Amino acid sequence: MAGSLAEEMRKHAEALRPGAVRTRPTEGELRRARMLAKRATLVRLRDERRIDDAVLRRRQETLDAEEVRLDLRDPATRGKTAP
């Protein structure tokens, strides 16, 4: 997950440089980015001991199900971990 976040940050930095061609993300890419942020937040909360492992696992299962639904709805983003 950390690699995905680093890649996401790199892409954003590239998009901000002068002369960069800006493209708009698709709805599926935005949903995927939101899911990655949710996952990172859950892990951070667990690491800070604000939630326990059981809560983390239940929420990750919910996010897994959302990801499957997204894959079925938007095959163009299937298998991508970051926009």
PDB file of N, CA and C in Angstrom:
ATOM      1  N   MET A   1       0.819  -1.189   0.000  1.00  0.00           N
ATOM      2  CA  MET A   1       0.000   0.000   0.000  1.00  0.00           C
ATOM      3  C   MET A   1       0.865   1.256   0.000  1.00  0.00           C
ATOM      4  N   ALA A   2       1.967   1.245   0.747  1.00  0.00           N
ATOM      5  CA  ALA A   2       2.833   2.425   0.800  1.00  0.00           C
ATOM      6  C   ALA A   2       3.369   2.759  -0.583  1.00  0.00           C
ATOM      7  N   GLY A   3       3.711   1.740  -1.370  1.00  0.00           N
ATOM      8  CA  GLY A   3       4.190   1.978  -2.724  1.00  0.00           C
ATOM      9  C   GLY A   3       3.129   2.644  -3.578  1.00  0.00           C
ATOM     10  N   SER A   4       1.881   2.238  -3.414  1.00  0.00           N
ATOM     11  CA  SER A   4       0.785   2.837  -4.158  1.00  0.00           C
ATOM     12  C   SER A   4       0.616   4.296  -3.781  1.00  0.00           C
ATOM     13  N   LEU A   5       0.727   4.595  -2.502  1.00  0.00           N
ATOM     14  CA  LEU A   5       0.595   5.974  -2.045  1.00  0.00           C
ATOM     15  C   LEU A   5       1.738   6.824  -2.591  1.00  0.00           C
ATOM     16  N   ALA A   6       2.960   6.284  -2.567  1.00  0.00           N
ATOM     17  CA  ALA A   6       4.109   7.009  -3.097  1.00  0.00           C
ATOM     18  C   ALA A   6       3.933   7.269  -4.591  1.00  0.00           C
ATOM     19  N   GLU A   7       3.443   6.289  -5.306  1.00  0.00           N
ATOM     20  CA  GLU A   7       3.202   6.456  -6.744  1.00  0.00           C
ATOM     21  C   GLU A   7       2.134   7.515  -6.990  1.00  0.00           C
ATOM     22  N   GLU A   8       1.088   7.489  -6.179  1.00  0.00           N
ATOM     23  CA  GLU A   8       0.022   8.483  -6.292  1.00  0.00           C
ATOM     24  C   GLU A   8       0.567   9.893  -6.060  1.00  0.00           C
ATOM     25  N   MET A   9       1.393  10.056  -5.043  1.00  0.00           N
ATOM     26  CA  MET A   9       1.978  11.359  -4.738  1.00  0.00           C
ATOM     27  C   MET A   9       2.884  11.822  -5.884  1.00  0.00           C
ATOM     28  N   ARG A  10       3.658  10.897  -6.469  1.00  0.00           N
ATOM     29  CA  ARG A  10       4.523  11.238  -7.588  1.00  0.00           C
ATOM     30  C   ARG A  10       3.701  11.745  -8.773  1.00  0.00           C
ATOM     31  N   LYS A  11       2.596  11.053  -9.057  1.00  0.00           N
ATOM     32  CA  LYS A  11       1.738  11.460 -10.170  1.00  0.00           C
ATOM     33  C   LYS A  11       1.171  12.856  -9.936  1.00  0.00           C
ATOM     34  N   HIS A  12       0.761  13.136  -8.715  1.00  0.00           N
ATOM     35  CA  HIS A  12       0.216  14.459  -8.407  1.00  0.00           C
ATOM     36  C   HIS A  12       1.297  15.529  -8.566  1.00  0.00           C
ATOM     37  N   ALA A  13       2.498  15.235  -8.095  1.00  0.00           N
ATOM     38  CA  ALA A  13       3.601  16.191  -8.223  1.00  0.00           C
ATOM     39  C   ALA A  13       3.907  16.463  -9.695  1.00  0.00           C
ATOM     40  N   GLU A  14       3.919  15.417 -10.514  1.00  0.00           N
ATOM     41  CA  GLU A  14       4.171  15.578 -11.953  1.00  0.00           C
ATOM     42  C   GLU A  14       3.092  16.448 -12.590  1.00  0.00           C
ATOM     43  N   ALA A  15       1.854  16.235 -12.192  1.00  0.00           N
ATOM     44  CA  ALA A  15       0.745  16.986 -12.779  1.00  0.00           C
ATOM     45  C   ALA A  15       0.811  18.465 -12.431  1.00  0.00           C
ATOM     46  N   LEU A  16       1.463  18.794 -11.335  1.00  0.00           N
ATOM     47  CA  LEU A  16       1.541  20.182 -10.896  1.00  0.00           C
ATOM     48  C   LEU A  16       2.699  20.955 -11.517  1.00  0.00           C
ATOM     49  N   ARG A  17       3.634  20.265 -12.135  1.00  0.00           N
ATOM     50  CA  ARG A  17       4.781  20.977 -12.695  1.00  0.00           C
ATOM     51  C   ARG A  17       4.328  21.814 -13.895  1.00  0.00           C
ATOM     52  N   PRO A  18       4.998  22.953 -14.129  1.00  0.00           N
ATOM     53  CA  PRO A  18       4.625  23.832 -15.249  1.00  0.00           C
ATOM     54  C   PRO A  18       4.696  23.085 -16.582  1.00  0.00           C
ATOM     55  N   GLY A  19       3.699  23.305 -17.409  1.00  0.00           N
ATOM     56  CA  GLY A  19       3.674  22.701 -18.733  1.00  0.00           C
ATOM     57  C   GLY A  19       3.141  21.277 -18.774  1.00  0.00           C
ATOM     58  N   ALA A  20       2.772  20.742 -17.634  1.00  0.00           N
ATOM     59  CA  ALA A  20       2.272  19.365 -17.610  1.00  0.00           C
ATOM     60  C   ALA A  20       0.885  19.304 -18.252  1.00  0.00           C
ATOM     61  N   VAL A  21       0.653  18.223 -18.972  1.00  0.00           N
ATOM     62  CA  VAL A  21      -0.660  18.002 -19.570  1.00  0.00           C
ATOM     63  C   VAL A  21      -1.564  17.457 -18.469  1.00  0.00           C
ATOM     64  N   ARG A  22      -2.665  18.138 -18.258  1.00  0.00           N
ATOM     65  CA  ARG A  22      -3.572  17.716 -17.192  1.00  0.00           C
ATOM     66  C   ARG A  22      -4.709  16.896 -17.778  1.00  0.00           C
ATOM     67  N   THR A  23      -4.960  15.762 -17.164  1.00  0.00           N
ATOM     68  CA  THR A  23      -6.078  14.922 -17.555  1.00  0.00           C
ATOM     69  C   THR A  23      -6.989  14.754 -16.353  1.00  0.00           C
ATOM     70  N   ARG A  24      -8.236  14.605 -16.600  1.00  0.00           N
ATOM     71  CA  ARG A  24      -9.196  14.427 -15.512  1.00  0.00           C
ATOM     72  C   ARG A  24      -9.324  12.943 -15.198  1.00  0.00           C
ATOM     73  N   PRO A  25      -9.308  12.598 -13.922  1.00  0.00           N
ATOM     74  CA  PRO A  25      -9.469  11.193 -13.560  1.00  0.00           C
ATOM     75  C   PRO A  25     -10.911  10.740 -13.805  1.00  0.00           C
ATOM     76  N   THR A  26     -11.058   9.461 -14.079  1.00  0.00           N
ATOM     77  CA  THR A  26     -12.398   8.912 -14.262  1.00  0.00           C
ATOM     78  C   THR A  26     -13.062   8.732 -12.903  1.00  0.00           C
ATOM     79  N   GLU A  27     -14.348   8.519 -12.924  1.00  0.00           N
ATOM     80  CA  GLU A  27     -15.073   8.276 -11.668  1.00  0.00           C
ATOM     81  C   GLU A  27     -14.509   7.048 -10.962  1.00  0.00           C
ATOM     82  N   GLY A  28     -14.204   6.015 -11.730  1.00  0.00           N
ATOM     83  CA  GLY A  28     -13.642   4.799 -11.137  1.00  0.00           C
ATOM     84  C   GLY A  28     -12.295   5.049 -10.480  1.00  0.00           C
ATOM     85  N   GLU A  29     -11.466   5.869 -11.118  1.00  0.00           N
ATOM     86  CA  GLU A  29     -10.163   6.200 -10.533  1.00  0.00           C
ATOM     87  C   GLU A  29     -10.330   6.984  -9.235  1.00  0.00           C
ATOM     88  N   LEU A  30     -11.298   7.891  -9.220  1.00  0.00           N
ATOM     89  CA  LEU A  30     -11.557   8.651  -8.002  1.00  0.00           C
ATOM     90  C   LEU A  30     -12.056   7.749  -6.878  1.00  0.00           C
ATOM     91  N   ARG A  31     -12.939   6.820  -7.216  1.00  0.00           N
ATOM     92  CA  ARG A  31     -13.439   5.879  -6.206  1.00  0.00           C
ATOM     93  C   ARG A  31     -12.295   5.026  -5.657  1.00  0.00           C
ATOM     94  N   ARG A  32     -11.420   4.576  -6.547  1.00  0.00           N
ATOM     95  CA  ARG A  32     -10.270   3.768  -6.114  1.00  0.00           C
ATOM     96  C   ARG A  32      -9.337   4.562  -5.205  1.00  0.00           C
ATOM     97  N   ALA A  33      -9.102   5.811  -5.555  1.00  0.00           N
ATOM     98  CA  ALA A  33      -8.252   6.666  -4.722  1.00  0.00           C
ATOM     99  C   ALA A  33      -8.878   6.850  -3.342  1.00  0.00           C
ATOM    100  N   ARG A  34     -10.195   7.017  -3.317  1.00  0.00           N
ATOM    101  CA  ARG A  34     -10.888   7.160  -2.035  1.00  0.00           C
ATOM    102  C   ARG A  34     -10.758   5.885  -1.203  1.00  0.00           C
ATOM    103  N   MET A  35     -10.861   4.726  -1.856  1.00  0.00           N
ATOM    104  CA  MET A  35     -10.719   3.457  -1.127  1.00  0.00           C
ATOM    105  C   MET A  35      -9.302   3.309  -0.576  1.00  0.00           C
ATOM    106  N   LEU A  36      -8.301   3.704  -1.358  1.00  0.00           N
ATOM    107  CA  LEU A  36      -6.923   3.641  -0.865  1.00  0.00           C
ATOM    108  C   LEU A  36      -6.738   4.545   0.352  1.00  0.00           C
ATOM    109  N   ALA A  37      -7.339   5.722   0.298  1.00  0.00           N
ATOM    110  CA  ALA A  37      -7.240   6.643   1.437  1.00  0.00           C
ATOM    111  C   ALA A  37      -7.926   6.057   2.663  1.00  0.00           C
ATOM    112  N   LYS A  38      -9.078   5.425   2.464  1.00  0.00           N
ATOM    113  CA  LYS A  38      -9.783   4.787   3.581  1.00  0.00           C
ATOM    114  C   LYS A  38      -8.931   3.677   4.191  1.00  0.00           C
ATOM    115  N   ARG A  39      -8.329   2.872   3.325  1.00  0.00           N
ATOM    116  CA  ARG A  39      -7.485   1.777   3.826  1.00  0.00           C
ATOM    117  C   ARG A  39      -6.297   2.319   4.628  1.00  0.00           C
ATOM    118  N   ALA A  40      -5.669   3.359   4.103  1.00  0.00           N
ATOM    119  CA  ALA A  40      -4.524   3.953   4.802  1.00  0.00           C
ATOM    120  C   ALA A  40      -4.951   4.527   6.152  1.00  0.00           C
ATOM    121  N   THR A  41      -6.122   5.143   6.181  1.00  0.00           N
ATOM    122  CA  THR A  41      -6.631   5.707   7.433  1.00  0.00           C
ATOM    123  C   THR A  41      -6.911   4.609   8.442  1.00  0.00           C
ATOM    124  N   LEU A  42      -7.504   3.518   7.993  1.00  0.00           N
ATOM    125  CA  LEU A  42      -7.778   2.397   8.909  1.00  0.00           C
ATOM    126  C   LEU A  42      -6.495   1.849   9.527  1.00  0.00           C
ATOM    127  N   VAL A  43      -5.483   1.668   8.703  1.00  0.00           N
ATOM    128  CA  VAL A  43      -4.204   1.141   9.210  1.00  0.00           C
ATOM    129  C   VAL A  43      -3.589   2.136  10.191  1.00  0.00           C
ATOM    130  N   ARG A  44      -3.665   3.425   9.853  1.00  0.00           N
ATOM    131  CA  ARG A  44      -3.124   4.439  10.764  1.00  0.00           C
ATOM    132  C   ARG A  44      -3.854   4.413  12.103  1.00  0.00           C
ATOM    133  N   LEU A  45      -5.184   4.317  12.062  1.00  0.00           N
ATOM    134  CA  LEU A  45      -5.957   4.261  13.306  1.00  0.00           C
ATOM    135  C   LEU A  45      -5.595   3.029  14.129  1.00  0.00           C
ATOM    136  N   ARG A  46      -5.372   1.907  13.456  1.00  0.00           N
ATOM    137  CA  ARG A  46      -4.970   0.701  14.173  1.00  0.00           C
ATOM    138  C   ARG A  46      -3.573   0.875  14.763  1.00  0.00           C
ATOM    139  N   ASP A  47      -2.663   1.438  13.981  1.00  0.00           N
ATOM    140  CA  ASP A  47      -1.299   1.662  14.468  1.00  0.00           C
ATOM    141  C   ASP A  47      -1.279   2.612  15.670  1.00  0.00           C
ATOM    142  N   GLU A  48      -2.203   3.561  15.677  1.00  0.00           N
ATOM    143  CA  GLU A  48      -2.317   4.496  16.801  1.00  0.00           C
ATOM    144  C   GLU A  48      -3.110   3.901  17.962  1.00  0.00           C
ATOM    145  N   ARG A  49      -3.569   2.676  17.780  1.00  0.00           N
ATOM    146  CA  ARG A  49      -4.364   1.936  18.785  1.00  0.00           C
ATOM    147  C   ARG A  49      -5.691   2.615  19.098  1.00  0.00           C
ATOM    148  N   ARG A  50      -6.218   3.297  18.094  1.00  0.00           N
ATOM    149  CA  ARG A  50      -7.542   3.904  18.249  1.00  0.00           C
ATOM    150  C   ARG A  50      -8.630   2.920  17.844  1.00  0.00           C
ATOM    151  N   ILE A  51      -8.271   1.921  17.010  1.00  0.00           N
ATOM    152  CA  ILE A  51      -9.149   0.795  16.706  1.00  0.00           C
ATOM    153  C   ILE A  51      -8.316  -0.476  16.850  1.00  0.00           C
ATOM    154  N   ASP A  52      -8.991  -1.606  17.081  1.00  0.00           N
ATOM    155  CA  ASP A  52      -8.241  -2.853  17.222  1.00  0.00           C
ATOM    156  C   ASP A  52      -8.230  -3.624  15.902  1.00  0.00           C
ATOM    157  N   ASP A  53      -7.511  -4.738  15.888  1.00  0.00           N
ATOM    158  CA  ASP A  53      -7.365  -5.529  14.662  1.00  0.00           C
ATOM    159  C   ASP A  53      -8.696  -6.047  14.134  1.00  0.00           C
ATOM    160  N   ALA A  54      -9.603  -6.406  15.036  1.00  0.00           N
ATOM    161  CA  ALA A  54     -10.903  -6.929  14.607  1.00  0.00           C
ATOM    162  C   ALA A  54     -11.677  -5.871  13.823  1.00  0.00           C
ATOM    163  N   VAL A  55     -11.664  -4.648  14.289  1.00  0.00           N
ATOM    164  CA  VAL A  55     -12.342  -3.560  13.585  1.00  0.00           C
ATOM    165  C   VAL A  55     -11.665  -3.322  12.239  1.00  0.00           C
ATOM    166  N   LEU A  56     -10.344  -3.318  12.235  1.00  0.00           N
ATOM    167  CA  LEU A  56      -9.599  -3.141  10.989  1.00  0.00           C
ATOM    168  C   LEU A  56      -9.999  -4.206   9.969  1.00  0.00           C
ATOM    169  N   ARG A  57     -10.015  -5.457  10.389  1.00  0.00           N
ATOM    170  CA  ARG A  57     -10.362  -6.544   9.458  1.00  0.00           C
ATOM    171  C   ARG A  57     -11.782  -6.416   8.938  1.00  0.00           C
ATOM    172  N   ARG A  58     -12.735  -6.085   9.806  1.00  0.00           N
ATOM    173  CA  ARG A  58     -14.130  -5.943   9.352  1.00  0.00           C
ATOM    174  C   ARG A  58     -14.260  -4.826   8.332  1.00  0.00           C
ATOM    175  N   ARG A  59     -13.627  -3.696   8.596  1.00  0.00           N
ATOM    176  CA  ARG A  59     -13.711  -2.572   7.662  1.00  0.00           C
ATOM    177  C   ARG A  59     -12.988  -2.900   6.346  1.00  0.00           C
ATOM    178  N   GLN A  60     -11.868  -3.628   6.427  1.00  0.00           N
ATOM    179  CA  GLN A  60     -11.169  -4.018   5.203  1.00  0.00           C
ATOM    180  C   GLN A  60     -12.032  -4.961   4.370  1.00  0.00           C
ATOM    181  N   GLU A  61     -12.772  -5.842   5.026  1.00  0.00           N
ATOM    182  CA  GLU A  61     -13.682  -6.731   4.296  1.00  0.00           C
ATOM    183  C   GLU A  61     -14.740  -5.923   3.560  1.00  0.00           C
ATOM    184  N   THR A  62     -15.252  -4.887   4.212  1.00  0.00           N
ATOM    185  CA  THR A  62     -16.239  -4.021   3.571  1.00  0.00           C
ATOM    186  C   THR A  62     -15.621  -3.325   2.358  1.00  0.00           C
ATOM    187  N   LEU A  63     -14.398  -2.827   2.514  1.00  0.00           N
ATOM    188  CA  LEU A  63     -13.722  -2.176   1.392  1.00  0.00           C
ATOM    189  C   LEU A  63     -13.424  -3.162   0.270  1.00  0.00           C
ATOM    190  N   ASP A  64     -13.086  -4.407   0.623  1.00  0.00           N
ATOM    191  CA  ASP A  64     -12.856  -5.433  -0.396  1.00  0.00           C
ATOM    192  C   ASP A  64     -14.121  -5.646  -1.228  1.00  0.00           C
ATOM    193  N   ALA A  65     -15.266  -5.712  -0.547  1.00  0.00           N
ATOM    194  CA  ALA A  65     -16.536  -5.901  -1.249  1.00  0.00           C
ATOM    195  C   ALA A  65     -16.834  -4.704  -2.154  1.00  0.00           C
ATOM    196  N   GLU A  66     -16.572  -3.490  -1.666  1.00  0.00           N
ATOM    197  CA  GLU A  66     -16.761  -2.294  -2.494  1.00  0.00           C
ATOM    198  C   GLU A  66     -15.875  -2.352  -3.734  1.00  0.00           C
ATOM    199  N   GLU A  67     -14.642  -2.825  -3.552  1.00  0.00           N
ATOM    200  CA  GLU A  67     -13.704  -2.902  -4.675  1.00  0.00           C
ATOM    201  C   GLU A  67     -14.187  -3.896  -5.731  1.00  0.00           C
ATOM    202  N   VAL A  68     -14.740  -5.012  -5.295  1.00  0.00           N
ATOM    203  CA  VAL A  68     -15.278  -5.995  -6.235  1.00  0.00           C
ATOM    204  C   VAL A  68     -16.434  -5.379  -7.015  1.00  0.00           C
ATOM    205  N   ARG A  69     -17.321  -4.672  -6.310  1.00  0.00           N
ATOM    206  CA  ARG A  69     -18.443  -4.020  -7.001  1.00  0.00           C
ATOM    207  C   ARG A  69     -17.932  -2.995  -8.002  1.00  0.00           C
ATOM    208  N   LEU A  70     -16.896  -2.243  -7.635  1.00  0.00           N
ATOM    209  CA  LEU A  70     -16.315  -1.258  -8.545  1.00  0.00           C
ATOM    210  C   LEU A  70     -15.737  -1.945  -9.776  1.00  0.00           C
ATOM    211  N   ASP A  71     -15.038  -3.063  -9.569  1.00  0.00           N
ATOM    212  CA  ASP A  71     -14.473  -3.811 -10.698  1.00  0.00           C
ATOM    213  C   ASP A  71     -15.562  -4.273 -11.656  1.00  0.00           C
ATOM    214  N   LEU A  72     -16.679  -4.706 -11.117  1.00  0.00           N
ATOM    215  CA  LEU A  72     -17.774  -5.175 -11.962  1.00  0.00           C
ATOM    216  C   LEU A  72     -18.430  -4.018 -12.716  1.00  0.00           C
ATOM    217  N   ARG A  73     -18.472  -2.856 -12.078  1.00  0.00           N
ATOM    218  CA  ARG A  73     -19.092  -1.685 -12.679  1.00  0.00           C
ATOM    219  C   ARG A  73     -18.203  -0.983 -13.679  1.00  0.00           C
ATOM    220  N   ASP A  74     -16.908  -0.953 -13.403  1.00  0.00           N
ATOM    221  CA  ASP A  74     -15.972  -0.189 -14.233  1.00  0.00           C
ATOM    222  C   ASP A  74     -14.780  -1.057 -14.612  1.00  0.00           C
ATOM    223  N   PRO A  75     -14.949  -1.917 -15.622  1.00  0.00           N
ATOM    224  CA  PRO A  75     -13.864  -2.826 -16.002  1.00  0.00           C
ATOM    225  C   PRO A  75     -12.584  -2.111 -16.412  1.00  0.00           C
ATOM    226  N   ALA A  76     -12.658  -0.841 -16.798  1.00  0.00           N
ATOM    227  CA  ALA A  76     -11.465  -0.107 -17.225  1.00  0.00           C
ATOM    228  C   ALA A  76     -10.477   0.072 -16.073  1.00  0.00           C
ATOM    229  N   THR A  77     -10.948   0.056 -14.830  1.00  0.00           N
ATOM    230  CA  THR A  77     -10.059   0.230 -13.695  1.00  0.00           C
ATOM    231  C   THR A  77      -9.804  -1.082 -12.964  1.00  0.00           C
ATOM    232  N   ARG A  78     -10.283  -2.167 -13.496  1.00  0.00           N
ATOM    233  CA  ARG A  78     -10.127  -3.470 -12.839  1.00  0.00           C
ATOM    234  C   ARG A  78      -8.662  -3.774 -12.575  1.00  0.00           C
ATOM    235  N   GLY A  79      -8.382  -4.124 -11.323  1.00  0.00           N
ATOM    236  CA  GLY A  79      -7.042  -4.523 -10.941  1.00  0.00           C
ATOM    237  C   GLY A  79      -6.077  -3.385 -10.668  1.00  0.00           C
ATOM    238  N   LYS A  80      -6.493  -2.155 -10.914  1.00  0.00           N
ATOM    239  CA  LYS A  80      -5.625  -1.020 -10.630  1.00  0.00           C
ATOM    240  C   LYS A  80      -5.680  -0.712  -9.148  1.00  0.00           C
ATOM    241  N   THR A  81      -4.538  -0.355  -8.569  1.00  0.00           N
ATOM    242  CA  THR A  81      -4.524  -0.048  -7.146  1.00  0.00           C
ATOM    243  C   THR A  81      -4.470   1.442  -6.885  1.00  0.00           C
ATOM    244  N   ALA A  82      -4.217   2.226  -7.897  1.00  0.00           N
ATOM    245  CA  ALA A  82      -4.193   3.674  -7.730  1.00  0.00           C
ATOM    246  C   ALA A  82      -4.476   4.324  -9.075  1.00  0.00           C
ATOM    247  N   PRO A  83      -5.085   5.502  -9.040  1.00  0.00           N
ATOM    248  CA  PRO A  83      -5.345   6.200 -10.305  1.00  0.00           C
ATOM    249  C   PRO A  83      -4.078   6.718 -10.941  1.00  0.00           C
TER     250      PRO A  83
END
